[in-house]
């Protein structure tokens, strides 16, 4: 049996036995099926997700955030040109 420990929150943690310890006489590879047999691939998981078009509010949020980023980029560029100009080299 695995030892249990109480955490400060009162939850019990169960620790797994030693990998080299005595088990039921079977190796871990024999007792568990391989991950490749049961784990679906990322492409299979994505194929199961139904298509959901963006809502109007989501489209507005995306466009608004892109425009805000562009406006702030232009404002910061203008401020840097106004306050932090670099003199021409060689003079």
Protein backbone atom coordinates (compact mmCIF):
# COMPACT_ATOMS: atom_id res chain seq x y z
CA UNK A 1 0.00 0.00 0.00
CA UNK A 2 1.18 3.52 -0.64
CA UNK A 3 1.80 5.82 2.30
CA UNK A 4 -0.45 8.84 2.71
CA UNK A 5 0.46 12.24 4.07
CA UNK A 6 -1.77 15.00 5.38
CA UNK A 7 -1.24 18.42 3.86
CA UNK A 8 -1.87 21.66 5.81
CA UNK A 9 -5.21 22.01 4.02
CA UNK A 10 -6.28 18.58 5.24
CA UNK A 11 -6.08 16.91 1.82
CA UNK A 12 -4.45 13.53 1.64
CA UNK A 13 -1.61 12.96 -0.77
CA UNK A 14 -0.95 9.46 -2.01
CA UNK A 15 2.60 8.74 -3.04
CA UNK A 16 3.43 6.10 -5.61
CA UNK A 17 5.58 3.12 -4.62
CA UNK A 18 9.26 2.87 -5.49
CA UNK A 19 9.88 2.04 -9.15
CA UNK A 20 12.36 -0.61 -8.01
CA UNK A 21 10.22 -1.85 -5.13
CA UNK A 22 8.23 -5.04 -4.95
CA UNK A 23 4.99 -4.89 -6.85
CA UNK A 24 2.51 -7.48 -8.00
CA UNK A 25 5.15 -9.38 -9.94
CA UNK A 26 4.44 -7.57 -13.22
CA UNK A 27 6.51 -4.85 -14.78
CA UNK A 28 4.91 -1.47 -15.31
CA UNK A 29 5.04 -2.01 -19.08
CA UNK A 30 2.96 -5.18 -18.76
CA UNK A 31 0.35 -3.72 -16.42
CA UNK A 32 -0.30 -0.53 -18.39
CA UNK A 33 -1.14 -0.40 -22.08
CA UNK A 34 1.22 1.70 -24.14
CA UNK A 35 0.41 5.39 -24.41
CA UNK A 36 0.42 5.22 -28.21
CA UNK A 37 -2.54 2.81 -28.24
CA UNK A 38 -4.94 5.00 -26.24
CA UNK A 39 -3.68 8.57 -26.42
CA UNK A 40 -5.25 10.45 -29.34
CA UNK A 41 -3.01 12.69 -31.37
CA UNK A 42 -3.28 16.45 -31.35
CA UNK A 43 -4.77 16.38 -34.86
CA UNK A 44 -7.47 13.93 -33.74
CA UNK A 45 -8.33 16.08 -30.75
CA UNK A 46 -8.57 19.20 -32.92
CA UNK A 47 -10.75 17.35 -35.46
CA UNK A 48 -13.27 16.53 -32.70
CA UNK A 49 -13.78 20.17 -31.74
CA UNK A 50 -16.81 21.60 -33.57
CA UNK A 51 -16.37 24.78 -35.61
CA UNK A 52 -17.54 27.89 -33.79
CA UNK A 53 -17.51 31.18 -35.70
CA UNK A 54 -16.44 34.32 -33.87
CA UNK A 55 -19.21 36.35 -32.33
CA UNK A 56 -19.66 39.99 -33.27
CA UNK A 57 -18.43 41.14 -29.88
CA UNK A 58 -15.30 38.99 -30.23
CA UNK A 59 -14.58 40.46 -33.66
CA UNK A 60 -14.96 43.98 -32.25
CA UNK A 61 -12.60 43.17 -29.38
CA UNK A 62 -9.97 41.82 -31.78
CA UNK A 63 -10.20 44.80 -34.13
CA UNK A 64 -10.22 47.23 -31.21
CA UNK A 65 -7.13 45.73 -29.63
CA UNK A 66 -5.24 45.73 -32.94
CA UNK A 67 -6.17 49.37 -33.58
CA UNK A 68 -5.22 50.35 -30.03
CA UNK A 69 -1.84 48.66 -30.47
CA UNK A 70 -1.24 50.44 -33.77
CA UNK A 71 -2.26 53.84 -32.36
CA UNK A 72 -0.03 53.40 -29.31
CA UNK A 73 2.87 52.31 -31.52
CA UNK A 74 2.51 55.48 -33.62
CA UNK A 75 2.16 57.70 -30.53
CA UNK A 76 5.24 56.19 -28.89
CA UNK A 77 7.24 56.53 -32.09
CA UNK A 78 6.21 60.19 -32.35
CA UNK A 79 7.14 60.85 -28.72
CA UNK A 80 10.52 59.18 -29.17
CA UNK A 81 11.23 61.32 -32.23
CA UNK A 82 10.16 64.47 -30.39
CA UNK A 83 12.03 63.95 -27.12
CA UNK A 84 14.86 61.55 -27.94
CA UNK A 85 16.25 62.67 -31.28
CA UNK A 86 19.71 61.43 -32.20
CA UNK A 87 22.03 64.03 -33.74
CA UNK A 88 23.46 63.22 -37.17
CA UNK A 89 26.85 61.51 -37.11
CA UNK A 90 29.94 63.24 -38.45
CA UNK A 91 29.16 66.84 -37.52
